[in-house]
Amino acid sequence: MRLSARVDYALRAAVALAGYGDRWVSAEQIAEDQEIPRKFLESILLQLRRGGIAASKRGSEGGHQLSRPGDQISLADVIRAVDGPLVGVRGERPEEVPYSGTSRALTNVWVALRVSERNILESVSLADVAADDLPTSVTKLLEDPDAWVIRGN
């Protein structure tokens, strides 16, 4: 699985907002805390706002915060807000990509992969990550020694 810098930064910014609770926090503070380039962060915060993940308020008491409690926002919600649907093939939903001949079963592989990603990304909330308290279903996966092995290039 590959995550773009945009998704990585969006997840970090959203988790940071979850950690700040109901306080309004400046983009400068988030950028500094998470080591995210400020201009990039501003673009990401706009996407999070448009995606219903974050809210913003102008003025000296303004800033950014989550639009609802962090335990009600999953990692999948954030990824979808900035990057679209989980598991795309050439920018399309896996079930919409035509395969023929011996490659037909690839559709089923991509759909199964999407289900696996959903099971993890939809079960982990921003609050879980901010509190370093991941669901048991996720921590159990980490017990497999192969989880920490990188294969291929």
N, C-alpha and C. Protein backbone atom coordinates (compact mmCIF):
# COMPACT_ATOMS: atom_id res chain seq x y z
N MET A 1 0.84 -1.17 0.00
CA MET A 1 0.00 0.00 0.00
C MET A 1 0.89 1.23 0.00
N ARG A 2 0.55 2.18 -0.84
CA ARG A 2 1.30 3.43 -0.90
C ARG A 2 0.37 4.57 -0.54
N LEU A 3 0.85 5.42 0.34
CA LEU A 3 0.10 6.61 0.71
C LEU A 3 0.89 7.82 0.22
N SER A 4 0.21 8.74 -0.40
CA SER A 4 0.86 9.95 -0.88
C SER A 4 1.25 10.83 0.31
N ALA A 5 2.15 11.77 0.06
CA ALA A 5 2.52 12.74 1.10
C ALA A 5 1.28 13.50 1.55
N ARG A 6 0.39 13.80 0.62
CA ARG A 6 -0.84 14.53 0.95
C ARG A 6 -1.67 13.74 1.97
N VAL A 7 -1.84 12.44 1.75
CA VAL A 7 -2.61 11.62 2.69
C VAL A 7 -1.89 11.52 4.03
N ASP A 8 -0.58 11.30 4.00
CA ASP A 8 0.19 11.23 5.24
C ASP A 8 0.04 12.52 6.04
N TYR A 9 0.21 13.65 5.40
CA TYR A 9 0.08 14.94 6.08
C TYR A 9 -1.34 15.17 6.57
N ALA A 10 -2.33 14.78 5.78
CA ALA A 10 -3.73 14.96 6.19
C ALA A 10 -4.04 14.13 7.42
N LEU A 11 -3.56 12.90 7.45
CA LEU A 11 -3.78 12.05 8.62
C LEU A 11 -3.09 12.63 9.84
N ARG A 12 -1.86 13.10 9.68
CA ARG A 12 -1.14 13.68 10.80
C ARG A 12 -1.83 14.94 11.31
N ALA A 13 -2.29 15.78 10.40
CA ALA A 13 -2.99 17.02 10.80
C ALA A 13 -4.29 16.69 11.51
N ALA A 14 -5.05 15.72 10.99
CA ALA A 14 -6.33 15.35 11.61
C ALA A 14 -6.12 14.72 12.97
N VAL A 15 -5.11 13.89 13.10
CA VAL A 15 -4.80 13.29 14.41
C VAL A 15 -4.37 14.38 15.39
N ALA A 16 -3.60 15.34 14.91
CA ALA A 16 -3.20 16.45 15.77
C ALA A 16 -4.43 17.21 16.26
N LEU A 17 -5.37 17.47 15.35
CA LEU A 17 -6.60 18.16 15.76
C LEU A 17 -7.36 17.34 16.80
N ALA A 18 -7.37 16.02 16.64
CA ALA A 18 -8.03 15.16 17.64
C ALA A 18 -7.33 15.31 18.99
N GLY A 19 -6.01 15.41 18.97
CA GLY A 19 -5.26 15.58 20.20
C GLY A 19 -5.50 16.92 20.89
N TYR A 20 -5.83 17.93 20.11
CA TYR A 20 -6.10 19.26 20.67
C TYR A 20 -7.52 19.34 21.25
N GLY A 21 -8.35 18.35 20.98
CA GLY A 21 -9.72 18.33 21.51
C GLY A 21 -10.56 19.42 20.88
N ASP A 22 -11.30 20.14 21.71
CA ASP A 22 -12.22 21.15 21.16
C ASP A 22 -11.60 22.54 21.09
N ARG A 23 -10.28 22.64 21.24
CA ARG A 23 -9.59 23.92 21.11
C ARG A 23 -9.41 24.30 19.65
N TRP A 24 -9.52 25.56 19.34
CA TRP A 24 -9.20 26.07 18.00
C TRP A 24 -7.69 26.22 17.92
N VAL A 25 -7.08 25.66 16.89
CA VAL A 25 -5.63 25.65 16.77
C VAL A 25 -5.23 26.25 15.43
N SER A 26 -4.18 27.06 15.45
CA SER A 26 -3.73 27.71 14.21
C SER A 26 -3.03 26.71 13.29
N ALA A 27 -3.06 27.03 12.01
CA ALA A 27 -2.35 26.22 11.02
C ALA A 27 -0.85 26.22 11.34
N GLU A 28 -0.36 27.36 11.81
CA GLU A 28 1.06 27.46 12.16
C GLU A 28 1.44 26.45 13.25
N GLN A 29 0.56 26.32 14.24
CA GLN A 29 0.83 25.40 15.35
C GLN A 29 0.83 23.95 14.86
N ILE A 30 -0.15 23.60 14.03
CA ILE A 30 -0.22 22.24 13.49
C ILE A 30 1.01 21.96 12.63
N ALA A 31 1.36 22.91 11.76
CA ALA A 31 2.51 22.74 10.88
C ALA A 31 3.78 22.51 11.69
N GLU A 32 3.94 23.30 12.75
CA GLU A 32 5.13 23.17 13.59
C GLU A 32 5.13 21.84 14.34
N ASP A 33 4.02 21.50 14.97
CA ASP A 33 3.93 20.27 15.75
C ASP A 33 4.14 19.03 14.90
N GLN A 34 3.61 19.04 13.68
CA GLN A 34 3.65 17.85 12.84
C GLN A 34 4.72 17.91 11.75
N GLU A 35 5.48 19.00 11.71
CA GLU A 35 6.54 19.17 10.70
C GLU A 35 5.98 19.00 9.29
N ILE A 36 4.91 19.75 9.02
CA ILE A 36 4.26 19.75 7.71
C ILE A 36 4.48 21.12 7.09
N PRO A 37 4.92 21.18 5.83
CA PRO A 37 5.08 22.48 5.18
C PRO A 37 3.77 23.28 5.25
N ARG A 38 3.88 24.52 5.69
CA ARG A 38 2.69 25.35 5.97
C ARG A 38 1.76 25.49 4.77
N LYS A 39 2.31 25.80 3.59
CA LYS A 39 1.46 25.99 2.40
C LYS A 39 0.73 24.69 2.06
N PHE A 40 1.41 23.59 2.16
CA PHE A 40 0.81 22.28 1.89
C PHE A 40 -0.30 22.02 2.90
N LEU A 41 -0.04 22.34 4.17
CA LEU A 41 -1.02 22.12 5.22
C LEU A 41 -2.28 22.95 4.97
N GLU A 42 -2.12 24.18 4.55
CA GLU A 42 -3.29 25.03 4.30
C GLU A 42 -4.19 24.42 3.23
N SER A 43 -3.59 23.86 2.19
CA SER A 43 -4.35 23.18 1.15
C SER A 43 -5.07 21.95 1.71
N ILE A 44 -4.38 21.21 2.54
CA ILE A 44 -4.95 20.01 3.16
C ILE A 44 -6.10 20.37 4.10
N LEU A 45 -5.92 21.42 4.90
CA LEU A 45 -6.98 21.84 5.81
C LEU A 45 -8.24 22.26 5.04
N LEU A 46 -8.05 22.87 3.88
CA LEU A 46 -9.18 23.23 3.03
C LEU A 46 -9.91 21.96 2.58
N GLN A 47 -9.17 20.95 2.16
CA GLN A 47 -9.79 19.69 1.75
C GLN A 47 -10.50 19.02 2.92
N LEU A 48 -9.90 19.06 4.09
CA LEU A 48 -10.53 18.46 5.26
C LEU A 48 -11.81 19.21 5.62
N ARG A 49 -11.80 20.51 5.44
CA ARG A 49 -13.01 21.30 5.70
C ARG A 49 -14.10 20.94 4.69
N ARG A 50 -13.73 20.91 3.42
CA ARG A 50 -14.71 20.56 2.38
C ARG A 50 -15.23 19.14 2.54
N GLY A 51 -14.40 18.25 3.10
CA GLY A 51 -14.79 16.86 3.31
C GLY A 51 -15.56 16.63 4.61
N GLY A 52 -15.82 17.70 5.35
CA GLY A 52 -16.59 17.57 6.59
C GLY A 52 -15.80 17.03 7.77
N ILE A 53 -14.48 17.03 7.65
CA ILE A 53 -13.63 16.50 8.72
C ILE A 53 -13.26 17.60 9.71
N ALA A 54 -12.94 18.77 9.19
CA ALA A 54 -12.48 19.88 10.02
C ALA A 54 -13.36 21.10 9.83
N ALA A 55 -13.25 22.01 10.79
CA ALA A 55 -13.93 23.30 10.72
C ALA A 55 -12.88 24.37 10.95
N SER A 56 -13.17 25.57 10.48
CA SER A 56 -12.24 26.66 10.73
C SER A 56 -13.01 27.91 11.12
N LYS A 57 -12.31 28.77 11.82
CA LYS A 57 -12.92 30.01 12.30
C LYS A 57 -11.87 31.10 12.18
N ARG A 58 -12.27 32.24 11.62
CA ARG A 58 -11.35 33.37 11.47
C ARG A 58 -11.27 34.18 12.76
N GLY A 59 -10.24 34.99 12.82
CA GLY A 59 -10.10 35.91 13.93
C GLY A 59 -9.05 35.49 14.93
N SER A 60 -8.84 36.34 15.93
CA SER A 60 -7.80 36.09 16.92
C SER A 60 -8.07 34.85 17.76
N GLU A 61 -9.33 34.50 17.92
CA GLU A 61 -9.70 33.29 18.67
C GLU A 61 -9.98 32.13 17.73
N GLY A 62 -9.63 32.30 16.46
CA GLY A 62 -9.95 31.31 15.44
C GLY A 62 -8.89 30.24 15.30
N GLY A 63 -9.02 29.51 14.23
CA GLY A 63 -8.10 28.42 13.93
C GLY A 63 -8.86 27.26 13.32
N HIS A 64 -8.42 26.08 13.64
CA HIS A 64 -9.00 24.86 13.08
C HIS A 64 -9.30 23.88 14.20
N GLN A 65 -10.32 23.07 13.99
CA GLN A 65 -10.63 21.96 14.90
C GLN A 65 -11.43 20.93 14.11
N LEU A 66 -11.58 19.75 14.68
CA LEU A 66 -12.40 18.72 14.02
C LEU A 66 -13.86 19.17 14.02
N SER A 67 -14.58 18.75 13.00
CA SER A 67 -15.99 19.12 12.90
C SER A 67 -16.89 18.26 13.79
N ARG A 68 -16.36 17.14 14.28
CA ARG A 68 -17.07 16.28 15.23
C ARG A 68 -16.01 15.57 16.06
N PRO A 69 -16.39 14.91 17.13
CA PRO A 69 -15.38 14.27 17.99
C PRO A 69 -14.49 13.29 17.23
N GLY A 70 -13.22 13.24 17.64
CA GLY A 70 -12.25 12.38 16.97
C GLY A 70 -12.58 10.91 16.99
N ASP A 71 -13.38 10.47 17.97
CA ASP A 71 -13.76 9.05 18.00
C ASP A 71 -14.85 8.74 16.97
N GLN A 72 -15.35 9.75 16.30
CA GLN A 72 -16.38 9.56 15.26
C GLN A 72 -15.82 9.75 13.85
N ILE A 73 -14.52 9.94 13.74
CA ILE A 73 -13.88 10.13 12.43
C ILE A 73 -12.83 9.05 12.25
N SER A 74 -12.98 8.24 11.23
CA SER A 74 -12.02 7.16 10.98
C SER A 74 -10.89 7.64 10.07
N LEU A 75 -9.81 6.87 10.06
CA LEU A 75 -8.72 7.16 9.14
C LEU A 75 -9.22 7.10 7.70
N ALA A 76 -10.14 6.18 7.42
CA ALA A 76 -10.71 6.07 6.08
C ALA A 76 -11.44 7.35 5.69
N ASP A 77 -12.14 7.97 6.63
CA ASP A 77 -12.84 9.23 6.35
C ASP A 77 -11.86 10.29 5.87
N VAL A 78 -10.73 10.39 6.53
CA VAL A 78 -9.72 11.39 6.18
C VAL A 78 -9.13 11.09 4.80
N ILE A 79 -8.78 9.84 4.57
CA ILE A 79 -8.20 9.46 3.28
C ILE A 79 -9.18 9.77 2.16
N ARG A 80 -10.43 9.42 2.33
CA ARG A 80 -11.43 9.70 1.30
C ARG A 80 -11.60 11.20 1.05
N ALA A 81 -11.48 12.00 2.11
CA ALA A 81 -11.65 13.44 1.97
C ALA A 81 -10.56 14.07 1.12
N VAL A 82 -9.35 13.54 1.20
CA VAL A 82 -8.24 14.15 0.45
C VAL A 82 -7.81 13.37 -0.79
N ASP A 83 -8.18 12.09 -0.86
CA ASP A 83 -7.65 11.26 -1.95
C ASP A 83 -8.72 10.46 -2.68
N GLY A 84 -9.97 10.56 -2.27
CA GLY A 84 -11.03 9.81 -2.93
C GLY A 84 -11.16 8.40 -2.38
N PRO A 85 -11.86 7.54 -3.11
CA PRO A 85 -12.15 6.19 -2.62
C PRO A 85 -10.90 5.37 -2.34
N LEU A 86 -11.03 4.46 -1.38
CA LEU A 86 -9.94 3.54 -1.08
C LEU A 86 -9.77 2.57 -2.24
N VAL A 87 -8.56 2.19 -2.49
CA VAL A 87 -8.20 1.21 -3.52
C VAL A 87 -8.82 1.52 -4.88
N GLY A 88 -8.11 2.29 -5.63
CA GLY A 88 -8.50 2.54 -7.01
C GLY A 88 -7.51 1.87 -7.94
N VAL A 89 -7.98 1.52 -9.12
CA VAL A 89 -7.11 0.95 -10.14
C VAL A 89 -7.14 1.92 -11.32
N ARG A 90 -6.03 2.56 -11.55
CA ARG A 90 -5.94 3.58 -12.61
C ARG A 90 -7.02 4.65 -12.44
N GLY A 91 -7.32 5.00 -11.19
CA GLY A 91 -8.28 6.04 -10.92
C GLY A 91 -9.74 5.60 -10.95
N GLU A 92 -9.99 4.31 -11.10
CA GLU A 92 -11.36 3.79 -11.15
C GLU A 92 -11.59 2.82 -10.01
N ARG A 93 -12.86 2.60 -9.70
CA ARG A 93 -13.21 1.59 -8.71
C ARG A 93 -12.83 0.22 -9.28
N PRO A 94 -12.29 -0.67 -8.45
CA PRO A 94 -11.81 -1.96 -8.96
C PRO A 94 -12.86 -2.75 -9.74
N GLU A 95 -14.11 -2.70 -9.28
CA GLU A 95 -15.15 -3.48 -9.96
C GLU A 95 -15.53 -2.90 -11.32
N GLU A 96 -15.05 -1.70 -11.62
CA GLU A 96 -15.37 -1.07 -12.90
C GLU A 96 -14.25 -1.19 -13.93
N VAL A 97 -13.13 -1.80 -13.53
CA VAL A 97 -12.01 -1.97 -14.45
C VAL A 97 -12.19 -3.28 -15.20
N PRO A 98 -12.29 -3.21 -16.52
CA PRO A 98 -12.51 -4.45 -17.28
C PRO A 98 -11.22 -5.26 -17.47
N TYR A 99 -11.31 -6.51 -17.11
CA TYR A 99 -10.23 -7.46 -17.36
C TYR A 99 -10.81 -8.59 -18.21
N SER A 100 -9.95 -9.18 -19.01
CA SER A 100 -10.43 -10.29 -19.84
C SER A 100 -9.44 -11.45 -19.76
N GLY A 101 -9.89 -12.57 -20.23
CA GLY A 101 -9.03 -13.76 -20.28
C GLY A 101 -8.53 -14.16 -18.91
N THR A 102 -7.26 -14.51 -18.87
CA THR A 102 -6.68 -15.02 -17.62
C THR A 102 -6.55 -13.95 -16.54
N SER A 103 -6.77 -12.69 -16.85
CA SER A 103 -6.65 -11.60 -15.87
C SER A 103 -7.96 -11.28 -15.16
N ARG A 104 -9.05 -11.93 -15.54
CA ARG A 104 -10.37 -11.60 -14.97
C ARG A 104 -10.42 -11.63 -13.45
N ALA A 105 -9.70 -12.56 -12.84
CA ALA A 105 -9.74 -12.70 -11.38
C ALA A 105 -9.10 -11.52 -10.65
N LEU A 106 -8.35 -10.67 -11.36
CA LEU A 106 -7.75 -9.50 -10.71
C LEU A 106 -8.80 -8.59 -10.09
N THR A 107 -9.96 -8.50 -10.71
CA THR A 107 -11.05 -7.69 -10.14
C THR A 107 -11.35 -8.16 -8.72
N ASN A 108 -11.46 -9.47 -8.54
CA ASN A 108 -11.76 -10.02 -7.22
C ASN A 108 -10.64 -9.76 -6.22
N VAL A 109 -9.40 -9.80 -6.69
CA VAL A 109 -8.26 -9.51 -5.81
C VAL A 109 -8.33 -8.06 -5.33
N TRP A 110 -8.60 -7.13 -6.25
CA TRP A 110 -8.66 -5.70 -5.87
C TRP A 110 -9.83 -5.41 -4.94
N VAL A 111 -10.95 -6.05 -5.17
CA VAL A 111 -12.11 -5.86 -4.28
C VAL A 111 -11.81 -6.42 -2.89
N ALA A 112 -11.16 -7.59 -2.83
CA ALA A 112 -10.78 -8.18 -1.54
C ALA A 112 -9.78 -7.28 -0.81
N LEU A 113 -8.85 -6.69 -1.55
CA LEU A 113 -7.89 -5.77 -0.96
C LEU A 113 -8.62 -4.56 -0.37
N ARG A 114 -9.60 -4.05 -1.08
CA ARG A 114 -10.37 -2.91 -0.59
C ARG A 114 -11.09 -3.26 0.72
N VAL A 115 -11.65 -4.47 0.78
CA VAL A 115 -12.33 -4.91 2.00
C VAL A 115 -11.34 -4.96 3.17
N SER A 116 -10.15 -5.49 2.93
CA SER A 116 -9.13 -5.57 3.98
C SER A 116 -8.73 -4.18 4.46
N GLU A 117 -8.51 -3.26 3.52
CA GLU A 117 -8.16 -1.89 3.90
C GLU A 117 -9.28 -1.26 4.71
N ARG A 118 -10.51 -1.44 4.24
CA ARG A 118 -11.65 -0.87 4.97
C ARG A 118 -11.72 -1.39 6.39
N ASN A 119 -11.51 -2.71 6.55
CA ASN A 119 -11.60 -3.31 7.89
C ASN A 119 -10.65 -2.64 8.86
N ILE A 120 -9.48 -2.24 8.40
CA ILE A 120 -8.53 -1.58 9.28
C ILE A 120 -8.82 -0.08 9.36
N LEU A 121 -8.86 0.58 8.22
CA LEU A 121 -8.95 2.04 8.21
C LEU A 121 -10.28 2.58 8.74
N GLU A 122 -11.34 1.81 8.62
CA GLU A 122 -12.63 2.25 9.17
C GLU A 122 -12.77 1.91 10.65
N SER A 123 -11.91 1.02 11.16
CA SER A 123 -12.01 0.65 12.58
C SER A 123 -11.13 1.51 13.47
N VAL A 124 -10.22 2.27 12.87
CA VAL A 124 -9.31 3.11 13.64
C VAL A 124 -9.77 4.56 13.54
N SER A 125 -10.03 5.16 14.69
CA SER A 125 -10.46 6.56 14.71
C SER A 125 -9.27 7.48 14.95
N LEU A 126 -9.49 8.75 14.68
CA LEU A 126 -8.45 9.75 14.96
C LEU A 126 -8.13 9.76 16.45
N ALA A 127 -9.15 9.61 17.29
CA ALA A 127 -8.94 9.58 18.75
C ALA A 127 -8.09 8.38 19.15
N ASP A 128 -8.30 7.23 18.49
CA ASP A 128 -7.50 6.04 18.79
C ASP A 128 -6.01 6.33 18.57
N VAL A 129 -5.71 6.94 17.42
CA VAL A 129 -4.31 7.22 17.09
C VAL A 129 -3.75 8.27 18.04
N ALA A 130 -4.51 9.34 18.28
CA ALA A 130 -4.03 10.41 19.17
C ALA A 130 -3.74 9.89 20.57
N ALA A 131 -4.51 8.91 21.02
CA ALA A 131 -4.32 8.34 22.36
C ALA A 131 -3.36 7.15 22.35
N ASP A 132 -2.85 6.79 21.16
CA ASP A 132 -1.99 5.61 21.01
C ASP A 132 -2.67 4.38 21.61
N ASP A 133 -3.95 4.21 21.27
CA ASP A 133 -4.77 3.12 21.79
C ASP A 133 -5.54 2.49 20.62
N LEU A 134 -4.81 1.76 19.80
CA LEU A 134 -5.41 1.16 18.60
C LEU A 134 -6.31 -0.01 18.97
N PRO A 135 -7.33 -0.27 18.14
CA PRO A 135 -8.22 -1.41 18.39
C PRO A 135 -7.44 -2.72 18.41
N THR A 136 -7.93 -3.66 19.19
CA THR A 136 -7.30 -4.98 19.30
C THR A 136 -7.17 -5.65 17.94
N SER A 137 -8.16 -5.46 17.06
CA SER A 137 -8.10 -6.09 15.74
C SER A 137 -6.86 -5.61 14.96
N VAL A 138 -6.40 -4.41 15.24
CA VAL A 138 -5.21 -3.88 14.56
C VAL A 138 -3.94 -4.32 15.29
N THR A 139 -3.92 -4.21 16.60
CA THR A 139 -2.71 -4.58 17.34
C THR A 139 -2.41 -6.07 17.21
N LYS A 140 -3.44 -6.88 17.06
CA LYS A 140 -3.22 -8.33 16.85
C LYS A 140 -2.44 -8.58 15.55
N LEU A 141 -2.74 -7.80 14.52
CA LEU A 141 -2.02 -7.95 13.25
C LEU A 141 -0.53 -7.65 13.43
N LEU A 142 -0.19 -6.78 14.34
CA LEU A 142 1.20 -6.38 14.58
C LEU A 142 2.01 -7.46 15.29
N GLU A 143 1.32 -8.44 15.87
CA GLU A 143 2.01 -9.53 16.57
C GLU A 143 2.67 -10.50 15.61
N ASP A 144 2.24 -10.51 14.37
CA ASP A 144 2.83 -11.38 13.36
C ASP A 144 4.21 -10.82 12.99
N PRO A 145 5.28 -11.60 13.20
CA PRO A 145 6.63 -11.11 12.87
C PRO A 145 6.76 -10.65 11.42
N ASP A 146 6.01 -11.26 10.52
CA ASP A 146 6.07 -10.86 9.11
C ASP A 146 5.47 -9.47 8.87
N ALA A 147 4.72 -8.97 9.84
CA ALA A 147 4.13 -7.64 9.68
C ALA A 147 5.23 -6.58 9.54
N TRP A 148 6.39 -6.83 10.10
CA TRP A 148 7.46 -5.84 10.13
C TRP A 148 8.52 -6.09 9.06
N VAL A 149 8.25 -7.04 8.17
CA VAL A 149 9.20 -7.39 7.11
C VAL A 149 8.77 -6.74 5.80
N ILE A 150 9.70 -6.05 5.18
CA ILE A 150 9.43 -5.45 3.86
C ILE A 150 9.91 -6.44 2.81
N ARG A 151 9.02 -6.71 1.88
CA ARG A 151 9.37 -7.64 0.80
C ARG A 151 9.44 -6.89 -0.52
N GLY A 152 10.27 -7.37 -1.41
CA GLY A 152 10.40 -6.74 -2.72
C GLY A 152 11.28 -5.53 -2.67
N ASN A 153 11.11 -4.68 -3.68
CA ASN A 153 11.98 -3.50 -3.77
C ASN A 153 11.50 -2.48 -2.83
